[in-house]
Amino acid sequence: MKIQLFGAAGGEVTGSAYLVQTAAASVLVDAGLFQGGRESEANNRLPIAKNLDTIGAILLTHAHLDHTGRLPLLFKQGYRGPVFATGATIDLAEIILKDSARLQVQDAERKNRKRAPGRRAPVQPLYEPDDVEPFRSLAQLVRFQQPVPVADGITARWVEAGHMLGSGCIELVVEEDGRRKIVVFSGDLGPTTLPVVRQFETFNEADAVFLESTYGDRRHRPYDQTLAEFEEIVRDAATQGGKILVPTFAIGRSQQILYHLAIMFLRHDIAPFPVYLDSPMALEASRVYAKHPDLFDEELLGWQRRGLLPLNPDIFRPSVTADDSRRLNELEGPCAILAGAGMCNAGRILHHLKHNLSNPQTHVMIVGFQGEGSLGRRLVDGHKVVSIFGRRIPVRARIHTLNGFSGHADQAELLEWFSPLAPSRPKVILTHGEDRARTALAQQIQQRFQLAAALPKLGEVIEV
């Protein structure tokens, strides 16, 4: 069995895609989009597989764009096989992919407007909304813990990953040449303290493990400390009449922030102020969350029994159209605006940052991972001036980095998840992490379990 990495390798955190090939079948685990910078755009245009017709199935760990965003490219190239995923992943991925296609078209149009007519061929979008259409008809529902035959000699099982609604780790049981091999893909693992969704589950046996390492070099602050800092920022902004800008992924982090704001208002910690969800995708995603209460953790169910209403229309206000979004620039605080994209590399948050970064009363909450080359990373790194839409914008706003809200497990939690697998002495392959994170996690795995971990490059082939 050979497994080739078409993303999330060589120090890259996005673009997850693993092509699993046996003598009898091939399956693709995830088909994610590279995000952040021009090099990422170029990588996205490279084919995932030269012989697309040999892929018998695609398996999705979860719905985020860096795990699903190249699916429309595969559909565009003619793939019409099954796409296996949990119900929540199917619902959320459809929303994410449609939004991605819309942004691809808008980005191409913006670039073409800046080009001199006739000088160069126009920029083409990576894919368009029509390329997303096959997804729903190809999607095949799987349920947690239930093994599913996905290709000749390959059975897959999903377990809870605790990263976002419907996210899963995938176990492949492969029968080949009379031998049985088990390969585990962690997908993205969530921290054990992440609210709303349930905690990750583990496996006890594997011949090979592909383990994410986003935060393999650090430990998050205790969640209660991060939450206390979040609440203090909210109180300060409310007192000062400032704006809170939250660049956030529409699915997962948006619902998490809304959840904590709703609790503050329900407890009467502060007087309620307007909270704008400036994302049609986040609004759709919130409806998907309501559709899958079986995936909620006990804490959220307990707050609901006490009257929690995260989307109370008197406080939480939808911003659907572009005009709705532009009108938010005229608002005075206190208010909060949640808008994508989470790394500030696209979307409506760019307009809000352009209009508000120069205001010292603005609070920008960075609540997720910021990839190299992204605007969000430059803000986190303390740049005093940033470029947005070709304009140099002074950064006078207060930038708050709240890594404790991360949807990714930290080093200790990654090791906790891996620990039950260690006695089976699997081959360990670290992906989905920058080099310093992968190296640090590899050192910990060596020290604790006496296992050497591979740090593969993009395109590398792993044999099992």
Protein backbone atom coordinates (compact mmCIF):
# COMPACT_ATOMS: atom_id res chain seq x y z
CA MET A 1 0.00 0.00 0.00
CA LYS A 2 1.27 3.44 -0.94
CA ILE A 3 0.00 6.75 0.39
CA GLN A 4 0.99 9.93 -1.44
CA LEU A 5 0.64 13.35 0.17
CA PHE A 6 -0.88 16.02 -2.06
CA GLY A 7 -1.07 18.65 0.67
CA ALA A 8 -0.48 19.45 4.36
CA ALA A 9 3.13 18.27 4.03
CA GLY A 10 6.57 19.85 3.93
CA GLY A 11 5.65 22.35 6.64
CA GLU A 12 2.33 23.26 4.98
CA VAL A 13 -0.75 23.48 7.21
CA THR A 14 -3.44 23.58 4.52
CA GLY A 15 -4.39 21.52 1.49
CA SER A 16 -4.87 18.14 3.20
CA ALA A 17 -5.11 15.31 0.64
CA TYR A 18 -3.88 11.73 0.92
CA LEU A 19 -4.06 9.32 -2.01
CA VAL A 20 -4.20 5.74 -0.70
CA GLN A 21 -3.31 3.17 -3.35
CA THR A 22 -3.43 -0.62 -3.08
CA ALA A 23 -3.10 -3.27 -5.76
CA ALA A 24 -6.91 -3.34 -6.08
CA ALA A 25 -8.15 0.18 -5.32
CA SER A 26 -7.39 3.85 -4.69
CA VAL A 27 -9.17 6.21 -2.31
CA LEU A 28 -8.54 9.86 -1.51
CA VAL A 29 -8.72 11.02 2.10
CA ASP A 30 -9.65 14.72 1.99
CA ALA A 31 -9.17 17.08 -0.93
CA GLY A 32 -8.32 20.35 0.76
CA LEU A 33 -7.51 23.77 -0.63
CA PHE A 34 -4.15 25.44 -0.01
CA GLN A 35 -4.67 28.81 1.68
CA GLY A 36 -2.46 31.86 2.19
CA GLY A 37 -0.25 33.57 -0.40
CA ARG A 38 0.51 33.25 -4.10
CA GLU A 39 2.35 29.95 -3.76
CA SER A 40 -0.82 28.42 -2.34
CA GLU A 41 -2.78 29.59 -5.37
CA ALA A 42 -0.27 27.86 -7.64
CA ASN A 43 -0.42 24.62 -5.64
CA ASN A 44 -4.19 24.54 -5.92
CA ARG A 45 -3.94 24.36 -9.70
CA LEU A 46 -1.79 21.24 -9.59
CA PRO A 47 -3.73 18.00 -10.15
CA ILE A 48 -4.28 15.79 -7.13
CA ALA A 49 -3.91 12.67 -9.25
CA LYS A 50 -2.85 12.16 -12.86
CA ASN A 51 -5.28 9.30 -13.39
CA LEU A 52 -8.44 10.61 -11.80
CA ASP A 53 -10.52 7.68 -13.02
CA THR A 54 -8.55 5.31 -10.78
CA ILE A 55 -9.89 6.94 -7.58
CA GLY A 56 -12.73 4.77 -6.34
CA ALA A 57 -13.89 6.98 -3.47
CA ILE A 58 -13.19 10.17 -1.54
CA LEU A 59 -13.38 10.21 2.25
CA LEU A 60 -13.76 13.47 4.17
CA THR A 61 -12.61 13.98 7.73
CA HIS A 62 -14.55 17.24 8.07
CA ALA A 63 -15.95 20.20 6.19
CA HIS A 64 -13.33 22.94 6.50
CA LEU A 65 -12.04 24.32 3.20
CA ASP A 66 -8.48 23.14 3.75
CA HIS A 67 -9.88 19.59 3.74
CA THR A 68 -12.63 19.88 1.11
CA GLY A 69 -11.81 22.89 -1.09
CA ARG A 70 -10.36 21.01 -4.08
CA LEU A 71 -13.40 18.77 -4.48
CA PRO A 72 -14.92 21.07 -7.14
CA LEU A 73 -11.68 20.79 -9.12
CA LEU A 74 -12.07 17.01 -9.09
CA PHE A 75 -15.69 17.31 -10.16
CA LYS A 76 -14.62 19.75 -12.87
CA GLN A 77 -12.13 17.17 -14.13
CA GLY A 78 -14.81 14.48 -14.24
CA TYR A 79 -14.79 12.68 -10.90
CA ARG A 80 -18.22 11.11 -10.26
CA GLY A 81 -17.45 8.52 -7.59
CA PRO A 82 -18.82 8.53 -4.02
CA VAL A 83 -17.79 11.10 -1.40
CA PHE A 84 -18.16 9.58 2.06
CA ALA A 85 -18.73 11.86 5.05
CA THR A 86 -20.86 12.33 8.18
CA GLY A 87 -24.20 14.05 7.80
CA ALA A 88 -23.05 17.28 9.42
CA THR A 89 -19.93 17.31 7.24
CA ILE A 90 -22.04 16.92 4.10
CA ASP A 91 -24.34 19.77 5.12
CA LEU A 92 -21.51 22.08 6.13
CA ALA A 93 -19.18 21.22 3.24
CA GLU A 94 -21.87 22.10 0.72
CA ILE A 95 -22.15 25.55 2.29
CA ILE A 96 -18.38 26.02 2.40
CA LEU A 97 -17.80 24.90 -1.18
CA LYS A 98 -20.52 27.15 -2.60
CA ASP A 99 -19.03 30.10 -0.75
CA SER A 100 -15.54 29.21 -1.92
CA ALA A 101 -16.69 29.07 -5.55
CA ARG A 102 -18.31 32.48 -5.20
CA LEU A 103 -15.11 33.93 -3.76
CA GLN A 104 -13.01 32.33 -6.51
CA VAL A 105 -15.10 34.11 -9.13
CA GLN A 106 -15.01 37.42 -7.27
CA ASP A 107 -11.25 37.22 -6.80
CA ALA A 108 -10.68 36.54 -10.50
CA GLU A 109 -12.94 39.44 -11.46
CA ARG A 110 -11.09 41.79 -9.08
CA LYS A 111 -7.70 40.78 -10.51
CA ASN A 112 -8.93 41.21 -14.07
CA ARG A 113 -10.20 44.72 -13.35
CA LYS A 114 -6.67 45.70 -12.36
CA ARG A 115 -5.07 44.30 -15.51
CA ALA A 116 -4.42 46.41 -18.56
CA PRO A 117 -6.81 45.29 -21.33
CA GLY A 118 -5.19 42.99 -23.89
CA ARG A 119 -1.83 42.83 -22.10
CA ARG A 120 -2.23 39.33 -20.66
CA ALA A 121 -4.80 36.54 -20.69
CA PRO A 122 -7.53 37.12 -18.12
CA VAL A 123 -7.31 35.32 -14.77
CA GLN A 124 -9.64 32.33 -14.59
CA PRO A 125 -11.25 31.31 -11.29
CA LEU A 126 -10.05 28.04 -9.86
CA TYR A 127 -13.63 26.82 -10.13
CA GLU A 128 -17.15 28.22 -10.34
CA PRO A 129 -20.48 27.52 -8.60
CA ASP A 130 -21.52 25.00 -11.28
CA ASP A 131 -18.49 22.91 -10.39
CA VAL A 132 -19.86 22.43 -6.85
CA GLU A 133 -23.23 21.08 -8.00
CA PRO A 134 -22.26 17.37 -8.18
CA PHE A 135 -21.32 17.29 -4.49
CA ARG A 136 -24.74 16.64 -2.96
CA SER A 137 -25.61 13.83 -5.37
CA LEU A 138 -22.23 12.12 -4.82
CA ALA A 139 -22.21 12.45 -1.03
CA GLN A 140 -22.68 9.20 0.88
CA LEU A 141 -23.74 9.41 4.54
CA VAL A 142 -21.66 7.62 7.18
CA ARG A 143 -22.28 7.37 10.90
CA PHE A 144 -19.74 7.43 13.68
CA GLN A 145 -18.36 4.04 14.74
CA GLN A 146 -20.03 2.13 11.88
CA PRO A 147 -17.56 0.46 9.44
CA VAL A 148 -18.32 1.19 5.78
CA PRO A 149 -16.87 -0.61 2.72
CA VAL A 150 -15.56 2.24 0.55
CA ALA A 151 -13.54 0.40 -2.12
CA ASP A 152 -12.34 -3.09 -3.01
CA GLY A 153 -10.56 -4.38 0.08
CA ILE A 154 -10.89 -1.11 2.03
CA THR A 155 -13.26 -0.51 4.95
CA ALA A 156 -13.45 2.85 6.71
CA ARG A 157 -14.67 3.85 10.15
CA TRP A 158 -15.18 7.38 11.45
CA VAL A 159 -14.92 8.37 15.12
CA GLU A 160 -15.45 11.77 16.74
CA ALA A 161 -12.52 14.18 16.25
CA GLY A 162 -13.90 17.00 18.41
CA HIS A 163 -12.73 19.69 15.97
CA MET A 164 -16.04 20.93 14.54
CA LEU A 165 -19.56 19.64 14.10
CA GLY A 166 -19.39 16.28 12.33
CA SER A 167 -15.59 16.11 12.25
CA GLY A 168 -14.07 12.66 12.32
CA CYS A 169 -10.86 10.68 12.49
CA ILE A 170 -10.82 7.91 9.90
CA GLU A 171 -9.58 4.35 10.32
CA LEU A 172 -8.92 2.38 7.13
CA VAL A 173 -8.77 -1.41 7.35
CA VAL A 174 -7.05 -2.61 4.19
CA GLU A 175 -7.02 -6.24 3.01
CA GLU A 176 -4.25 -6.75 0.46
CA ASP A 177 -2.42 -9.88 -0.69
CA GLY A 178 -3.83 -11.85 2.23
CA ARG A 179 -2.62 -9.31 4.76
CA ARG A 180 -4.59 -6.88 6.92
CA LYS A 181 -3.27 -3.37 7.58
CA ILE A 182 -4.80 -0.53 9.57
CA VAL A 183 -4.10 3.10 8.67
CA VAL A 184 -5.46 5.93 10.82
CA PHE A 185 -5.90 9.55 9.74
CA SER A 186 -6.41 11.90 12.65
CA GLY A 187 -7.93 14.65 10.51
CA ASP A 188 -7.96 17.77 12.65
CA LEU A 189 -8.28 17.04 16.34
CA GLY A 190 -10.07 19.42 18.64
CA PRO A 191 -8.99 20.39 22.16
CA THR A 192 -10.65 18.52 24.99
CA THR A 193 -12.09 21.78 26.35
CA LEU A 194 -13.72 22.97 23.10
CA PRO A 195 -17.37 23.83 23.80
CA VAL A 196 -20.42 22.91 21.72
CA VAL A 197 -18.98 19.71 20.18
CA ARG A 198 -18.09 16.44 21.88
CA GLN A 199 -14.54 15.44 22.83
CA PHE A 200 -12.37 13.40 20.44
CA GLU A 201 -12.35 9.59 20.55
CA THR A 202 -9.31 7.37 20.12
CA PHE A 203 -8.11 4.16 18.44
CA ASN A 204 -6.18 1.26 19.96
CA GLU A 205 -4.36 -0.25 16.99
CA ALA A 206 -2.71 0.88 13.74
CA ASP A 207 0.10 0.03 11.37
CA ALA A 208 0.43 3.67 10.30
CA VAL A 209 -0.88 6.93 11.74
CA PHE A 210 -1.11 10.25 9.90
CA LEU A 211 -1.25 12.74 12.75
CA GLU A 212 -1.89 16.46 12.43
CA SER A 213 0.60 18.74 14.17
CA THR A 214 -0.82 22.26 13.87
CA TYR A 215 0.06 23.04 17.47
CA GLY A 216 2.63 20.30 17.97
CA ASP A 217 5.10 22.75 19.49
CA ARG A 218 2.97 24.40 22.14
CA ARG A 219 0.31 24.11 24.75
CA HIS A 220 -2.75 26.28 24.75
CA ARG A 221 -3.56 28.46 27.69
CA PRO A 222 -6.14 26.84 29.94
CA TYR A 223 -9.53 27.43 28.37
CA ASP A 224 -10.95 29.15 31.42
CA GLN A 225 -8.11 31.70 31.32
CA THR A 226 -8.73 32.40 27.64
CA LEU A 227 -12.44 32.74 28.29
CA ALA A 228 -11.73 35.18 31.13
CA GLU A 229 -9.56 37.28 28.78
CA PHE A 230 -12.26 37.17 26.13
CA GLU A 231 -14.87 38.38 28.60
CA GLU A 232 -12.56 41.17 29.80
CA ILE A 233 -12.04 42.39 26.21
CA VAL A 234 -15.79 42.35 25.66
CA ARG A 235 -16.37 44.34 28.87
CA ASP A 236 -13.66 46.88 27.93
CA ALA A 237 -15.11 47.40 24.48
CA ALA A 238 -18.61 47.77 25.89
CA THR A 239 -17.42 50.37 28.41
CA GLN A 240 -15.36 52.31 25.85
CA GLY A 241 -17.95 52.12 23.10
CA GLY A 242 -15.54 50.39 20.74
CA LYS A 243 -15.97 47.87 17.99
CA ILE A 244 -14.93 44.25 18.33
CA LEU A 245 -13.83 42.66 15.06
CA VAL A 246 -13.54 38.90 15.00
CA PRO A 247 -12.01 37.38 11.85
CA THR A 248 -13.53 33.97 12.11
CA PHE A 249 -14.18 30.85 10.18
CA ALA A 250 -17.90 30.83 9.52
CA ILE A 251 -18.29 27.30 10.75
CA GLY A 252 -17.15 26.32 14.21
CA ARG A 253 -15.46 29.42 15.57
CA SER A 254 -18.40 31.72 14.78
CA GLN A 255 -20.79 29.51 16.73
CA GLN A 256 -18.28 29.26 19.57
CA ILE A 257 -17.97 33.05 19.92
CA LEU A 258 -21.74 33.55 19.64
CA TYR A 259 -22.20 30.91 22.33
CA HIS A 260 -19.92 32.71 24.80
CA LEU A 261 -21.45 36.14 24.08
CA ALA A 262 -24.93 34.70 24.58
CA ILE A 263 -23.88 33.29 27.96
CA MET A 264 -22.50 36.71 29.02
CA PHE A 265 -25.78 38.37 28.08
CA LEU A 266 -27.88 35.62 29.69
CA ARG A 267 -25.93 36.00 32.96
CA HIS A 268 -26.31 39.81 32.76
CA ASP A 269 -22.53 40.25 32.95
CA ILE A 270 -22.91 43.26 30.63
CA ALA A 271 -25.76 45.07 28.97
CA PRO A 272 -26.44 43.43 25.61
CA PHE A 273 -25.08 45.22 22.54
CA PRO A 274 -25.56 44.41 18.85
CA VAL A 275 -23.61 41.45 17.53
CA TYR A 276 -23.49 41.21 13.75
CA LEU A 277 -22.91 37.90 12.05
CA ASP A 278 -21.61 39.31 8.78
CA SER A 279 -21.56 36.06 6.87
CA PRO A 280 -24.35 34.36 4.94
CA MET A 281 -22.35 31.17 5.28
CA ALA A 282 -22.17 31.44 9.06
CA LEU A 283 -25.92 32.02 9.19
CA GLU A 284 -26.52 28.91 7.10
CA ALA A 285 -24.08 26.96 9.24
CA SER A 286 -25.91 27.96 12.41
CA ARG A 287 -29.04 26.39 10.96
CA VAL A 288 -27.07 23.20 10.29
CA TYR A 289 -25.94 23.18 13.92
CA ALA A 290 -29.57 23.34 15.00
CA LYS A 291 -30.26 20.34 12.73
CA HIS A 292 -27.72 18.11 14.53
CA PRO A 293 -28.26 18.49 18.31
CA ASP A 294 -27.19 14.86 18.75
CA LEU A 295 -23.61 16.07 18.22
CA PHE A 296 -23.71 18.72 20.98
CA ASP A 297 -21.77 18.30 24.21
CA GLU A 298 -23.49 18.15 27.59
CA GLU A 299 -22.48 21.71 28.54
CA LEU A 300 -24.35 23.25 25.62
CA LEU A 301 -27.38 21.07 26.25
CA GLY A 302 -27.33 22.23 29.88
CA TRP A 303 -27.23 25.92 28.91
CA GLN A 304 -30.11 25.38 26.49
CA ARG A 305 -32.19 23.95 29.33
CA ARG A 306 -31.47 27.19 31.25
CA GLY A 307 -32.82 29.32 28.42
CA LEU A 308 -29.75 30.03 26.29
CA LEU A 309 -30.76 31.43 22.91
CA PRO A 310 -27.51 32.04 20.98
CA LEU A 311 -29.25 33.67 18.01
CA ASN A 312 -31.70 35.91 19.87
CA PRO A 313 -32.73 38.32 17.06
CA ASP A 314 -32.84 41.26 19.48
CA ILE A 315 -29.06 40.99 19.92
CA PHE A 316 -27.60 38.81 17.18
CA ARG A 317 -28.29 40.43 13.85
CA PRO A 318 -27.72 38.89 10.44
CA SER A 319 -25.75 40.76 7.81
CA VAL A 320 -26.60 38.98 4.59
CA THR A 321 -25.95 41.19 1.59
CA ALA A 322 -22.90 43.21 0.60
CA ASP A 323 -24.89 46.37 1.28
CA ASP A 324 -25.68 45.10 4.79
CA SER A 325 -21.96 44.58 5.33
CA ARG A 326 -21.00 48.04 4.05
CA ARG A 327 -23.51 49.70 6.35
CA LEU A 328 -21.66 48.22 9.33
CA ASN A 329 -18.78 50.59 8.61
CA GLU A 330 -21.04 53.48 9.63
CA LEU A 331 -21.85 51.98 13.03
CA GLU A 332 -20.61 53.31 16.31
CA GLY A 333 -19.80 51.00 19.19
CA PRO A 334 -20.22 49.14 21.27
CA CYS A 335 -20.86 46.34 18.85
CA ALA A 336 -19.22 43.17 17.62
CA ILE A 337 -18.79 42.06 14.01
CA LEU A 338 -17.95 38.47 13.18
CA ALA A 339 -16.86 38.00 9.56
CA GLY A 340 -14.73 35.68 7.47
CA ALA A 341 -12.25 34.73 6.42
CA GLY A 342 -10.59 33.40 9.52
CA MET A 343 -7.03 34.16 8.33
CA CYS A 344 -8.02 37.59 6.96
CA ASN A 345 -6.92 36.42 3.50
CA ALA A 346 -10.32 37.03 1.86
CA GLY A 347 -13.92 37.87 2.63
CA ARG A 348 -15.79 40.67 4.34
CA ILE A 349 -13.42 41.00 7.28
CA LEU A 350 -10.97 42.76 4.95
CA HIS A 351 -13.35 45.71 4.51
CA HIS A 352 -13.92 45.97 8.27
CA LEU A 353 -10.21 45.88 8.96
CA LYS A 354 -9.57 48.49 6.28
CA HIS A 355 -12.06 50.89 7.90
CA ASN A 356 -11.25 50.20 11.56
CA LEU A 357 -7.61 49.15 12.06
CA SER A 358 -6.52 52.77 12.37
CA ASN A 359 -8.94 53.38 15.27
CA PRO A 360 -7.37 52.83 18.73
CA GLN A 361 -10.80 51.96 20.16
CA THR A 362 -11.11 48.95 17.86
CA HIS A 363 -10.42 45.53 19.31
CA VAL A 364 -9.42 42.77 16.88
CA MET A 365 -9.76 39.28 18.32
CA ILE A 366 -7.62 36.68 16.56
CA VAL A 367 -9.24 33.42 17.64
CA GLY A 368 -7.77 30.90 15.19
CA PHE A 369 -4.59 29.74 13.51
CA GLN A 370 -3.04 32.25 11.10
CA GLY A 371 -1.04 30.74 8.24
CA GLU A 372 2.26 32.11 6.98
CA GLY A 373 1.73 34.87 4.44
CA SER A 374 -1.78 35.73 5.61
CA LEU A 375 -2.88 39.19 6.76
CA GLY A 376 -3.94 37.64 10.05
CA ARG A 377 -0.39 36.41 10.67
CA ARG A 378 0.99 39.90 10.01
CA LEU A 379 -1.40 41.35 12.59
CA VAL A 380 -0.43 38.68 15.11
CA ASP A 381 3.26 39.37 14.42
CA GLY A 382 2.76 43.04 15.30
CA HIS A 383 3.12 44.77 11.94
CA LYS A 384 2.43 48.47 12.37
CA VAL A 385 1.27 48.95 8.78
CA VAL A 386 -0.50 46.40 6.58
CA SER A 387 -1.69 46.41 2.99
CA ILE A 388 -5.39 45.86 2.28
CA PHE A 389 -6.74 46.17 -1.26
CA GLY A 390 -3.53 47.92 -2.27
CA ARG A 391 -3.75 50.55 0.47
CA ARG A 392 -1.35 50.89 3.38
CA ILE A 393 -3.35 50.88 6.60
CA PRO A 394 -1.79 51.90 9.94
CA VAL A 395 -2.52 49.43 12.73
CA ARG A 396 -3.60 51.37 15.81
CA ALA A 397 -6.30 48.94 16.91
CA ARG A 398 -5.65 46.60 19.81
CA ILE A 399 -4.82 43.13 18.47
CA HIS A 400 -5.67 40.26 20.83
CA THR A 401 -4.43 36.74 20.09
CA LEU A 402 -6.58 34.19 21.89
CA ASN A 403 -4.99 30.87 20.97
CA GLY A 404 -6.88 29.16 23.77
CA PHE A 405 -9.98 29.32 21.56
CA SER A 406 -8.28 27.21 18.96
CA GLY A 407 -10.22 24.40 17.36
CA HIS A 408 -7.00 22.36 17.24
CA ALA A 409 -5.59 20.18 19.97
CA ASP A 410 -2.32 21.35 21.51
CA GLN A 411 0.81 19.25 21.98
CA ALA A 412 -0.39 17.58 25.18
CA GLU A 413 -3.76 16.71 23.65
CA LEU A 414 -2.18 15.36 20.44
CA LEU A 415 -0.04 13.08 22.58
CA GLU A 416 -3.10 12.10 24.64
CA TRP A 417 -4.94 11.11 21.46
CA PHE A 418 -1.93 9.16 20.15
CA SER A 419 -1.13 7.39 23.41
CA PRO A 420 -3.56 4.43 23.03
CA LEU A 421 -2.07 3.74 19.58
CA ALA A 422 1.57 3.76 20.70
CA PRO A 423 1.68 0.17 22.05
CA SER A 424 0.90 -1.17 18.55
CA ARG A 425 4.16 0.48 17.34
CA PRO A 426 2.74 2.15 14.23
CA LYS A 427 4.64 4.07 11.61
CA VAL A 428 4.01 7.73 12.53
CA ILE A 429 3.71 10.41 9.87
CA LEU A 430 3.31 14.02 11.02
CA THR A 431 1.43 16.35 8.69
CA HIS A 432 -0.67 19.52 8.78
CA GLY A 433 1.91 21.54 10.70
CA GLU A 434 4.71 24.01 10.16
CA ASP A 435 8.18 22.51 10.45
CA ARG A 436 8.87 23.77 13.96
CA ALA A 437 5.58 22.27 15.18
CA ARG A 438 6.18 18.93 13.46
CA THR A 439 9.75 18.73 14.75
CA ALA A 440 8.73 19.47 18.34
CA LEU A 441 5.95 16.89 18.26
CA ALA A 442 8.28 14.31 16.71
CA GLN A 443 10.73 14.85 19.56
CA GLN A 444 7.98 14.30 22.13
CA ILE A 445 6.82 11.12 20.41
CA GLN A 446 10.40 9.83 20.36
CA GLN A 447 10.95 10.64 24.03
CA ARG A 448 7.64 9.29 25.32
CA PHE A 449 7.01 6.31 23.07
CA GLN A 450 10.40 5.56 21.50
CA LEU A 451 8.91 5.93 18.04
CA ALA A 452 10.50 7.87 15.20
CA ALA A 453 8.07 10.12 13.33
CA ALA A 454 8.41 10.91 9.63
CA LEU A 455 8.11 14.52 8.43
CA PRO A 456 7.17 14.07 4.76
CA LYS A 457 7.50 16.57 1.96
CA LEU A 458 4.75 17.56 -0.45
CA GLY A 459 4.27 14.77 -2.99
CA GLU A 460 6.18 12.20 -0.94
CA VAL A 461 4.99 8.59 -0.99
CA ILE A 462 4.71 6.59 2.25
CA GLU A 463 4.73 2.80 1.98
CA VAL A 464 2.87 0.67 4.52
